[in-house]
N, C-alpha and C. Protein backbone atom coordinates (compact mmCIF):
# COMPACT_ATOMS: atom_id res chain seq x y z
N MET A 1 0.95 -1.38 -0.03
CA MET A 1 -0.13 0.07 -0.05
C MET A 1 0.93 1.17 0.19
N SER A 2 0.42 2.15 -0.85
CA SER A 2 1.36 3.33 -1.02
C SER A 2 1.14 4.45 -0.05
N THR A 3 2.00 5.20 0.40
CA THR A 3 1.78 6.29 1.55
C THR A 3 1.72 7.45 0.69
N HIS A 4 1.71 7.50 -0.44
CA HIS A 4 1.49 8.88 -1.39
C HIS A 4 0.15 9.22 -1.56
N ARG A 5 -0.22 10.41 -1.27
CA ARG A 5 -1.61 10.85 -1.57
C ARG A 5 -1.66 11.72 -2.84
N TYR A 6 -0.62 12.23 -3.18
CA TYR A 6 -0.67 13.08 -4.31
C TYR A 6 0.47 12.29 -5.50
N TRP A 7 0.27 12.71 -6.57
CA TRP A 7 0.96 12.04 -7.81
C TRP A 7 2.20 12.90 -7.84
N ALA A 8 1.94 14.42 -7.64
CA ALA A 8 3.17 15.24 -7.71
C ALA A 8 2.83 16.48 -6.77
N PHE A 9 3.98 17.19 -6.42
CA PHE A 9 3.90 18.46 -5.82
C PHE A 9 4.43 19.50 -6.73
N ILE A 10 3.79 20.63 -6.97
CA ILE A 10 4.20 21.50 -7.92
C ILE A 10 4.74 22.70 -7.16
N SER A 11 6.14 22.87 -6.99
CA SER A 11 6.67 24.09 -6.35
C SER A 11 6.97 25.38 -7.29
N TYR A 12 6.56 26.40 -7.02
CA TYR A 12 6.56 27.62 -7.69
C TYR A 12 6.67 28.93 -7.05
N SER A 13 7.35 29.91 -7.68
CA SER A 13 7.27 31.20 -7.17
C SER A 13 5.95 31.77 -7.44
N GLN A 14 5.38 32.77 -6.84
CA GLN A 14 4.01 33.35 -6.98
C GLN A 14 4.02 33.96 -8.26
N ARG A 15 5.37 34.57 -8.73
CA ARG A 15 5.32 35.13 -10.04
C ARG A 15 5.08 34.15 -11.23
N ASP A 16 5.20 32.88 -11.12
CA ASP A 16 4.93 31.78 -11.95
C ASP A 16 3.54 31.12 -11.79
N THR A 17 2.55 31.95 -10.91
CA THR A 17 1.34 31.27 -10.64
C THR A 17 0.49 30.73 -11.89
N LYS A 18 0.52 31.69 -13.02
CA LYS A 18 -0.31 31.04 -14.18
C LYS A 18 0.47 29.97 -14.93
N TRP A 19 1.61 29.70 -14.70
CA TRP A 19 2.42 28.61 -15.34
C TRP A 19 1.95 27.26 -14.46
N ALA A 20 1.82 27.57 -13.11
CA ALA A 20 1.61 26.42 -12.22
C ALA A 20 0.18 26.04 -12.34
N GLN A 21 -0.85 26.95 -12.69
CA GLN A 21 -2.17 26.64 -12.62
C GLN A 21 -2.42 25.95 -13.93
N TRP A 22 -1.63 26.27 -15.22
CA TRP A 22 -1.78 25.60 -16.48
C TRP A 22 -1.26 24.04 -16.27
N LEU A 23 -0.03 24.09 -15.57
CA LEU A 23 0.58 22.81 -15.63
C LEU A 23 -0.19 21.82 -14.67
N HIS A 24 -0.74 22.31 -13.54
CA HIS A 24 -1.75 21.62 -12.56
C HIS A 24 -2.79 20.98 -13.64
N LYS A 25 -3.60 21.88 -14.17
CA LYS A 25 -4.72 21.39 -14.94
C LYS A 25 -4.31 20.32 -16.16
N GLN A 26 -3.29 20.68 -16.60
CA GLN A 26 -2.78 19.62 -17.84
C GLN A 26 -2.44 18.34 -17.19
N LEU A 27 -1.95 18.33 -15.87
CA LEU A 27 -1.61 17.00 -15.32
C LEU A 27 -2.90 16.14 -14.88
N GLU A 28 -3.62 17.01 -14.05
CA GLU A 28 -4.72 16.37 -13.47
C GLU A 28 -5.77 16.13 -14.75
N THR A 29 -5.85 16.35 -15.86
CA THR A 29 -6.80 16.11 -16.79
C THR A 29 -6.07 15.21 -17.82
N TYR A 30 -4.77 14.88 -17.78
CA TYR A 30 -4.19 14.01 -18.67
C TYR A 30 -4.59 12.75 -18.64
N HIS A 31 -4.88 12.05 -19.76
CA HIS A 31 -5.45 10.72 -19.67
C HIS A 31 -4.12 9.71 -20.24
N VAL A 32 -3.86 8.80 -19.36
CA VAL A 32 -2.70 7.93 -19.47
C VAL A 32 -3.03 7.16 -20.80
N PRO A 33 -2.12 7.01 -21.73
CA PRO A 33 -2.56 6.14 -22.72
C PRO A 33 -3.03 4.50 -22.45
N ARG A 34 -4.03 4.07 -23.08
CA ARG A 34 -4.68 2.92 -22.58
C ARG A 34 -3.60 1.58 -22.47
N THR A 35 -2.56 1.75 -23.57
CA THR A 35 -1.47 0.84 -23.56
C THR A 35 -0.52 0.75 -22.46
N LEU A 36 -0.58 1.81 -21.46
CA LEU A 36 0.01 1.87 -20.26
C LEU A 36 -0.83 1.49 -18.92
N VAL A 37 -2.13 1.84 -19.10
CA VAL A 37 -2.96 1.68 -17.94
C VAL A 37 -3.16 0.07 -17.36
N GLY A 38 -2.58 0.13 -16.29
CA GLY A 38 -2.62 -1.34 -15.61
C GLY A 38 -1.32 -1.87 -15.66
N ARG A 39 -0.51 -1.50 -16.18
CA ARG A 39 1.06 -2.20 -16.19
C ARG A 39 1.84 -1.65 -15.10
N ARG A 40 2.41 -2.81 -14.51
CA ARG A 40 3.31 -2.61 -13.22
C ARG A 40 4.76 -1.80 -13.71
N HIS A 41 4.91 -0.94 -12.88
CA HIS A 41 6.12 -0.03 -13.04
C HIS A 41 6.80 -0.26 -11.52
N GLY A 42 7.59 -0.90 -11.28
CA GLY A 42 8.36 -1.20 -9.99
C GLY A 42 7.15 -1.75 -9.21
N ASN A 43 6.74 -0.83 -7.95
CA ASN A 43 5.68 -1.43 -7.28
C ASN A 43 4.47 -0.54 -7.45
N LEU A 44 4.41 0.15 -8.50
CA LEU A 44 3.27 0.74 -9.05
C LEU A 44 2.31 0.23 -10.08
N THR A 45 1.17 0.44 -10.04
CA THR A 45 0.51 0.10 -11.22
C THR A 45 -0.07 1.39 -12.00
N VAL A 46 0.12 1.53 -13.20
CA VAL A 46 -0.17 2.79 -13.80
C VAL A 46 -1.63 2.96 -13.92
N PRO A 47 -2.16 3.96 -13.38
CA PRO A 47 -3.50 4.34 -13.38
C PRO A 47 -4.08 5.19 -14.74
N LYS A 48 -5.45 5.19 -14.59
CA LYS A 48 -5.91 5.92 -15.85
C LYS A 48 -5.57 7.41 -15.82
N ARG A 49 -5.42 8.10 -14.85
CA ARG A 49 -5.21 9.52 -14.51
C ARG A 49 -4.27 9.70 -13.37
N LEU A 50 -3.58 10.83 -13.32
CA LEU A 50 -2.50 11.03 -12.47
C LEU A 50 -3.20 12.24 -11.42
N VAL A 51 -4.03 11.84 -10.78
CA VAL A 51 -4.67 12.57 -9.79
C VAL A 51 -4.69 12.17 -8.24
N PRO A 52 -4.56 13.09 -7.32
CA PRO A 52 -4.44 14.46 -7.40
C PRO A 52 -2.82 14.83 -7.29
N VAL A 53 -2.90 16.11 -7.97
CA VAL A 53 -1.59 16.86 -7.94
C VAL A 53 -1.72 18.09 -7.10
N PHE A 54 -0.56 18.36 -6.14
CA PHE A 54 -0.43 19.23 -5.05
C PHE A 54 -0.11 20.48 -5.50
N ARG A 55 -0.87 21.60 -5.53
CA ARG A 55 -0.44 22.86 -5.68
C ARG A 55 -1.11 23.61 -4.70
N ASP A 56 -0.27 24.45 -3.91
CA ASP A 56 -0.59 25.27 -2.70
C ASP A 56 -1.89 26.05 -2.66
N ARG A 57 -2.13 26.82 -3.67
CA ARG A 57 -3.30 27.72 -3.55
C ARG A 57 -4.69 26.69 -3.79
N ASP A 58 -4.53 25.69 -4.28
CA ASP A 58 -5.67 24.66 -4.37
C ASP A 58 -5.98 23.79 -3.30
N GLU A 59 -4.97 23.46 -2.51
CA GLU A 59 -4.85 22.55 -1.47
C GLU A 59 -4.74 22.86 -0.22
N LEU A 60 -4.10 24.17 0.17
CA LEU A 60 -4.01 24.75 1.55
C LEU A 60 -4.99 25.70 1.93
N PRO A 61 -5.40 25.40 3.31
CA PRO A 61 -6.26 26.63 3.91
C PRO A 61 -5.45 27.79 4.01
N SER A 62 -6.17 28.89 4.15
CA SER A 62 -5.55 30.28 3.79
C SER A 62 -4.90 30.76 5.12
N THR A 63 -5.20 29.99 6.32
CA THR A 63 -4.41 30.18 7.60
C THR A 63 -3.85 28.89 8.24
N GLY A 64 -3.44 29.01 9.25
CA GLY A 64 -2.74 27.94 9.77
C GLY A 64 -1.23 27.70 9.78
N ASN A 65 -0.89 26.54 10.03
CA ASN A 65 0.63 26.18 10.13
C ASN A 65 1.04 25.72 8.75
N LEU A 66 1.20 26.69 7.70
CA LEU A 66 1.36 26.34 6.39
C LEU A 66 2.84 25.59 6.02
N ASP A 67 3.69 25.99 6.95
CA ASP A 67 4.98 25.28 6.53
C ASP A 67 4.85 23.64 6.93
N GLY A 68 4.19 23.51 8.05
CA GLY A 68 4.12 21.90 8.16
C GLY A 68 3.22 21.38 7.14
N LYS A 69 2.06 22.10 6.81
CA LYS A 69 1.21 21.58 5.89
C LYS A 69 2.01 21.22 4.60
N ILE A 70 2.90 22.09 4.13
CA ILE A 70 3.71 22.00 2.99
C ILE A 70 4.40 20.65 3.20
N ARG A 71 5.28 20.52 4.17
CA ARG A 71 6.04 19.57 4.57
C ARG A 71 5.25 18.05 4.49
N GLU A 72 4.22 18.12 4.91
CA GLU A 72 3.22 16.75 4.87
C GLU A 72 3.06 16.72 3.45
N ALA A 73 2.64 17.58 2.74
CA ALA A 73 2.39 17.36 1.23
C ALA A 73 3.40 16.90 0.39
N LEU A 74 4.66 17.46 0.75
CA LEU A 74 5.84 17.00 0.17
C LEU A 74 6.02 15.59 0.49
N ALA A 75 6.01 15.00 1.69
CA ALA A 75 6.26 13.71 1.98
C ALA A 75 5.22 12.80 1.49
N ALA A 76 3.97 13.39 1.14
CA ALA A 76 2.78 12.63 0.65
C ALA A 76 2.93 12.54 -0.81
N SER A 77 4.01 12.87 -1.42
CA SER A 77 3.93 13.30 -2.85
C SER A 77 4.93 12.22 -3.68
N ARG A 78 4.49 11.72 -4.69
CA ARG A 78 5.39 10.80 -5.49
C ARG A 78 6.53 11.55 -6.18
N SER A 79 6.11 12.70 -6.69
CA SER A 79 7.28 13.39 -7.33
C SER A 79 7.12 14.90 -7.03
N LEU A 80 8.29 15.64 -7.29
CA LEU A 80 8.56 17.06 -7.02
C LEU A 80 8.63 17.63 -8.52
N ILE A 81 7.87 18.78 -8.81
CA ILE A 81 8.00 19.40 -10.05
C ILE A 81 8.27 20.77 -9.65
N VAL A 82 9.48 21.46 -9.87
CA VAL A 82 9.73 22.85 -9.64
C VAL A 82 9.69 23.81 -10.85
N ILE A 83 8.81 24.74 -10.68
CA ILE A 83 8.86 25.45 -12.05
C ILE A 83 9.80 26.61 -11.89
N CYS A 84 10.87 26.69 -12.53
CA CYS A 84 11.99 27.92 -12.71
C CYS A 84 11.66 28.75 -13.92
N SER A 85 11.93 30.14 -13.43
CA SER A 85 11.42 31.09 -14.53
C SER A 85 12.81 32.02 -14.34
N VAL A 86 12.87 33.04 -15.19
CA VAL A 86 13.89 33.97 -15.32
C VAL A 86 13.66 35.09 -14.12
N SER A 87 12.75 35.13 -13.47
CA SER A 87 12.40 36.00 -12.24
C SER A 87 13.69 36.34 -11.45
N PRO A 88 13.95 37.39 -11.26
CA PRO A 88 15.16 37.83 -10.46
C PRO A 88 15.39 37.16 -9.12
N MET A 89 14.51 37.08 -8.17
CA MET A 89 14.76 36.45 -7.02
C MET A 89 13.49 35.72 -6.55
N PRO A 90 13.54 34.43 -6.29
CA PRO A 90 12.48 33.70 -5.89
C PRO A 90 12.34 34.10 -4.29
N THR A 91 11.03 33.63 -3.88
CA THR A 91 10.56 34.00 -2.40
C THR A 91 11.42 33.02 -1.63
N LEU A 92 11.43 33.30 -0.33
CA LEU A 92 11.86 32.26 0.69
C LEU A 92 11.42 30.99 0.73
N GLN A 93 9.90 31.12 0.88
CA GLN A 93 9.20 29.87 0.93
C GLN A 93 9.43 29.08 -0.24
N PHE A 94 9.31 29.63 -1.49
CA PHE A 94 9.74 28.66 -2.60
C PHE A 94 10.97 28.12 -2.54
N MET A 95 12.10 28.69 -1.94
CA MET A 95 13.61 28.24 -1.91
C MET A 95 13.51 27.19 -1.05
N ALA A 96 12.59 27.06 -0.08
CA ALA A 96 12.79 26.43 1.17
C ALA A 96 12.07 25.05 0.77
N VAL A 97 11.25 24.82 -0.31
CA VAL A 97 10.99 23.46 -0.72
C VAL A 97 11.99 22.56 -1.19
N PRO A 98 12.89 23.06 -2.25
CA PRO A 98 13.90 22.07 -2.64
C PRO A 98 14.71 21.60 -1.68
N ARG A 99 15.02 22.66 -0.88
CA ARG A 99 16.11 22.35 0.31
C ARG A 99 15.51 21.49 1.50
N PHE A 100 14.12 21.36 1.69
CA PHE A 100 13.63 20.40 2.47
C PHE A 100 13.68 18.93 1.73
N VAL A 101 13.40 19.09 0.53
CA VAL A 101 13.39 17.69 -0.19
C VAL A 101 14.84 17.24 -0.33
N ILE A 102 15.73 17.75 -0.55
CA ILE A 102 17.20 17.48 -0.74
C ILE A 102 17.65 16.87 0.82
N GLY A 103 17.17 17.53 1.74
CA GLY A 103 17.58 17.13 2.99
C GLY A 103 16.68 15.97 3.61
N SER A 104 15.89 15.48 2.89
CA SER A 104 15.03 14.52 3.44
C SER A 104 15.08 13.00 2.65
N THR A 105 14.42 12.22 3.15
CA THR A 105 14.49 10.92 2.77
C THR A 105 13.44 10.41 1.51
N ILE A 106 12.98 11.30 1.00
CA ILE A 106 11.99 11.45 -0.02
C ILE A 106 12.79 10.54 -1.18
N THR A 107 12.15 9.39 -1.93
CA THR A 107 12.67 8.69 -2.85
C THR A 107 11.63 8.61 -3.82
N PRO A 108 12.23 8.44 -5.03
CA PRO A 108 11.11 8.17 -6.36
C PRO A 108 10.46 7.14 -6.18
């Protein structure tokens, strides 16, 4: 039994919100090709759709312990997707996500 609640966690700067929204929608509405559905890949059976995908604005409450909630969501995600742009300076919260993952025991 998998402990992963999310297929992916999308990390992005607020400047890249439109890209994150677009990617989130594309991933959650993507239909896996029939020839792959049901196949085993390691300890995973390929599903029809890759849902849910975590994006903070859609999944987190507006108040409370956001840092803890983000860490929980990262730990419960199969994959981390980081949207990088040419924006001059990412926010501290955005920079903390990859640092948390690199220092953790999350594996693909």
